[in-house]
Amino acid sequence: MKKLAILIPVLLLFSSFSQPLKPGCNSTPDGPAINWAPDLKLTWTDFQARKNPSIDFAVAASTCGFGYDGIINGNEITVNVYVRFYCNESWYHKDYRIGEVLKHEQLHFDICELYGRILYKNILFLRKSGSLNERTLKKLLYKLRDEYDAMQDRYDAETNHSTNRKKQREWNERIKLTLDNHSAYANYKEL
């Protein structure tokens, strides 16, 4: 039996300072994190890292990622897909705790959930086609990571990190609609 663990964290302005586990964040093998849930909304207390002093232009940064744990037993693979917000790697500037910024960071997490669903959808396809194996899983994950990184960068550029309110509203609607269109793949915990 062989264990697999692949995580694609996206560091949206990383900080390496950490603090003790606080309410809202759960212990995971990758550190304190919050698993995405439909009714969950991030709060400022979820951002537990200290601001990275070398980044002067940012007022908040989220680190979130999607990935899978897997077990290979002979020809059978069991996969657990997850989407997480990493508390000790996410921070905010205390003078800029405004709702628009928090909603912007929430959408980063929601985009991560979208890619968790896309990962799950593709794993189901690989399984059904008989081509699910360690190599195809890794190839899929790296392909999706590249797409995900590009989408996160485009999101920040188009919304100007939440300051372009018209574009922010457009992105909010686009991601909500896309998540709704992928709702059949929201139950990805273990397959």
Protein backbone atom coordinates (compact mmCIF):
# COMPACT_ATOMS: atom_id res chain seq x y z
CA MET A 1 0.00 0.00 0.00
CA LYS A 2 1.44 3.35 -1.05
CA LYS A 3 0.31 6.74 0.25
CA LEU A 4 0.16 9.83 -1.94
CA ALA A 5 -0.09 13.39 -0.75
CA ILE A 6 -0.18 16.26 -3.15
CA LEU A 7 -1.10 19.82 -2.24
CA ILE A 8 -1.13 22.80 -4.51
CA PRO A 9 -0.97 25.79 -2.20
CA VAL A 10 -1.28 29.15 -3.77
CA LEU A 11 0.50 31.74 -1.83
CA LEU A 12 -1.11 35.06 -2.38
CA LEU A 13 1.62 37.21 -0.83
CA PHE A 14 3.24 34.78 1.64
CA SER A 15 4.31 35.45 5.20
CA SER A 16 6.38 32.94 7.15
CA PHE A 17 5.48 34.29 10.60
CA SER A 18 3.07 32.07 12.51
CA GLN A 19 1.04 32.24 15.68
CA PRO A 20 -0.66 29.59 17.84
CA LEU A 21 -3.84 27.89 16.60
CA LYS A 22 -6.92 30.06 17.18
CA PRO A 23 -10.66 29.40 16.88
CA GLY A 24 -11.90 28.81 13.34
CA CYS A 25 -8.77 27.05 12.18
CA ASN A 26 -8.40 23.29 12.42
CA SER A 27 -5.23 21.29 12.77
CA THR A 28 -4.16 19.63 9.49
CA PRO A 29 -0.94 17.92 8.42
CA ASP A 30 -0.07 21.17 6.61
CA GLY A 31 -0.73 23.42 9.61
CA PRO A 32 -3.77 25.32 10.90
CA ALA A 33 -6.34 25.55 8.12
CA ILE A 34 -10.00 25.95 7.28
CA ASN A 35 -11.65 23.53 4.87
CA TRP A 36 -13.92 25.26 2.37
CA ALA A 37 -17.65 24.95 3.10
CA PRO A 38 -20.61 26.55 1.27
CA ASP A 39 -21.83 28.63 4.23
CA LEU A 40 -18.41 29.46 5.63
CA LYS A 41 -17.19 33.01 5.26
CA LEU A 42 -13.71 34.04 6.30
CA THR A 43 -13.32 36.50 9.17
CA TRP A 44 -10.36 38.66 10.05
CA THR A 45 -9.53 36.34 12.96
CA ASP A 46 -8.82 33.57 10.42
CA PHE A 47 -5.83 35.59 9.11
CA GLN A 48 -3.27 34.72 11.77
CA ALA A 49 0.14 35.41 10.24
CA ARG A 50 1.89 38.67 10.86
CA LYS A 51 2.12 41.03 7.90
CA ASN A 52 5.21 40.49 5.82
CA PRO A 53 7.10 43.77 6.27
CA SER A 54 8.74 43.50 2.84
CA ILE A 55 5.40 43.85 1.05
CA ASP A 56 4.33 47.48 1.35
CA PHE A 57 1.49 47.70 -1.17
CA ALA A 58 -0.74 44.88 0.10
CA VAL A 59 -3.31 45.22 2.85
CA ALA A 60 -4.17 41.49 3.10
CA ALA A 61 -2.99 38.18 1.73
CA SER A 62 -4.62 34.76 1.63
CA THR A 63 -2.89 31.46 1.25
CA CYS A 64 -5.18 28.71 0.06
CA GLY A 65 -4.68 25.51 -1.85
CA PHE A 66 -6.30 22.42 -3.25
CA GLY A 67 -4.90 18.94 -3.45
CA TYR A 68 -5.44 15.32 -2.61
CA ASP A 69 -4.32 12.53 -0.36
CA GLY A 70 -4.37 9.12 -1.91
CA ILE A 71 -3.71 5.49 -1.13
CA ILE A 72 -2.69 3.03 -3.81
CA ASN A 73 -3.50 -0.58 -2.98
CA GLY A 74 -2.61 -2.76 -5.94
CA ASN A 75 -4.55 -1.38 -8.90
CA GLU A 76 -7.02 0.52 -6.72
CA ILE A 77 -6.59 4.18 -5.78
CA THR A 78 -8.56 5.91 -3.03
CA VAL A 79 -8.38 9.70 -3.23
CA ASN A 80 -9.42 12.41 -0.79
CA VAL A 81 -9.67 15.87 -2.40
CA TYR A 82 -9.45 18.95 -0.19
CA VAL A 83 -9.55 22.75 -0.44
CA ARG A 84 -8.02 24.74 2.41
CA PHE A 85 -7.33 28.25 3.64
CA TYR A 86 -4.07 28.34 5.64
CA CYS A 87 -4.49 30.52 8.73
CA ASN A 88 -0.84 30.90 9.75
CA GLU A 89 0.15 31.93 6.22
CA SER A 90 -2.62 34.51 5.70
CA TRP A 91 -2.46 38.05 7.07
CA TYR A 92 -4.03 41.50 6.97
CA HIS A 93 -2.93 45.02 7.82
CA LYS A 94 -4.78 46.02 11.00
CA ASP A 95 -5.49 49.53 9.67
CA TYR A 96 -7.34 48.19 6.60
CA ARG A 97 -9.96 45.81 8.00
CA ILE A 98 -12.64 46.77 5.52
CA GLY A 99 -15.39 44.55 4.22
CA GLU A 100 -14.46 44.88 0.55
CA VAL A 101 -10.96 43.54 1.19
CA LEU A 102 -12.29 40.59 3.22
CA LYS A 103 -14.80 39.77 0.46
CA HIS A 104 -11.99 39.94 -2.09
CA GLU A 105 -9.95 37.45 -0.05
CA GLN A 106 -13.03 35.21 0.32
CA LEU A 107 -13.30 35.04 -3.47
CA HIS A 108 -9.69 33.86 -3.67
CA PHE A 109 -10.79 30.97 -1.43
CA ASP A 110 -13.92 30.41 -3.56
CA ILE A 111 -11.77 30.21 -6.71
CA CYS A 112 -9.74 27.56 -4.91
CA GLU A 113 -12.96 25.63 -4.24
CA LEU A 114 -13.82 25.83 -7.93
CA TYR A 115 -10.52 24.14 -8.76
CA GLY A 116 -11.12 21.49 -6.09
CA ARG A 117 -14.37 20.66 -7.90
CA ILE A 118 -12.65 20.66 -11.29
CA LEU A 119 -10.01 18.30 -9.87
CA TYR A 120 -12.73 15.98 -8.57
CA LYS A 121 -14.60 16.06 -11.89
CA ASN A 122 -11.44 15.09 -13.77
CA ILE A 123 -10.54 12.34 -11.28
CA LEU A 124 -14.00 10.84 -11.83
CA PHE A 125 -13.38 10.93 -15.59
CA LEU A 126 -9.98 9.26 -15.21
CA ARG A 127 -11.48 6.57 -12.99
CA LYS A 128 -14.37 5.91 -15.39
CA SER A 129 -11.99 5.71 -18.37
CA GLY A 130 -9.73 3.28 -16.49
CA SER A 131 -6.74 5.61 -16.63
CA LEU A 132 -6.59 6.77 -13.00
CA ASN A 133 -3.09 6.18 -11.68
CA GLU A 134 -0.38 8.09 -9.83
CA ARG A 135 1.10 9.52 -13.03
CA THR A 136 -2.20 10.77 -14.47
CA LEU A 137 -3.18 12.25 -11.08
CA LYS A 138 0.03 14.25 -10.83
CA LYS A 139 -0.19 15.38 -14.44
CA LEU A 140 -3.78 16.54 -13.91
CA LEU A 141 -2.91 18.37 -10.70
CA TYR A 142 -0.01 20.27 -12.23
CA LYS A 143 -2.11 21.25 -15.24
CA LEU A 144 -4.89 22.54 -12.98
CA ARG A 145 -2.38 24.34 -10.77
CA ASP A 146 -1.15 26.33 -13.76
CA GLU A 147 -4.71 27.25 -14.74
CA TYR A 148 -5.51 28.13 -11.13
CA ASP A 149 -2.46 30.35 -10.71
CA ALA A 150 -3.34 32.18 -13.94
CA MET A 151 -6.93 32.70 -12.80
CA GLN A 152 -5.86 34.03 -9.39
CA ASP A 153 -3.43 36.44 -11.06
CA ARG A 154 -6.08 37.58 -13.56
CA TYR A 155 -8.56 38.08 -10.71
CA ASP A 156 -6.17 40.37 -8.81
CA ALA A 157 -5.16 42.25 -11.97
CA GLU A 158 -8.70 42.85 -13.22
CA THR A 159 -10.09 43.87 -9.83
CA ASN A 160 -6.92 45.77 -8.91
CA HIS A 161 -6.92 43.83 -5.63
CA SER A 162 -10.56 44.79 -4.89
CA THR A 163 -10.29 48.51 -5.65
CA ASN A 164 -12.10 48.23 -9.01
CA ARG A 165 -15.58 47.65 -7.60
CA LYS A 166 -17.26 47.08 -10.98
CA LYS A 167 -14.79 44.32 -11.90
CA GLN A 168 -15.03 42.90 -8.36
CA ARG A 169 -18.82 42.55 -8.75
CA GLU A 170 -18.32 40.88 -12.14
CA TRP A 171 -15.87 38.39 -10.66
CA ASN A 172 -18.17 37.71 -7.69
CA GLU A 173 -21.00 36.83 -10.09
CA ARG A 174 -18.76 34.83 -12.45
CA ILE A 175 -17.35 32.64 -9.68
CA LYS A 176 -20.75 32.15 -8.02
CA LEU A 177 -22.23 31.03 -11.36
CA THR A 178 -19.27 28.77 -12.12
CA LEU A 179 -19.45 27.17 -8.67
CA ASP A 180 -23.18 26.61 -9.19
CA ASN A 181 -22.43 25.02 -12.59
CA HIS A 182 -20.00 22.64 -10.86
CA SER A 183 -22.29 21.85 -7.91
CA ALA A 184 -22.48 18.19 -8.99
CA TYR A 185 -18.79 17.96 -8.02
CA ALA A 186 -19.05 19.62 -4.60
CA ASN A 187 -19.06 16.33 -2.67
CA TYR A 188 -15.43 15.44 -3.30
CA LYS A 189 -14.26 14.25 0.11
CA GLU A 190 -13.36 10.66 -0.75
CA LEU A 191 -13.70 8.66 -3.91
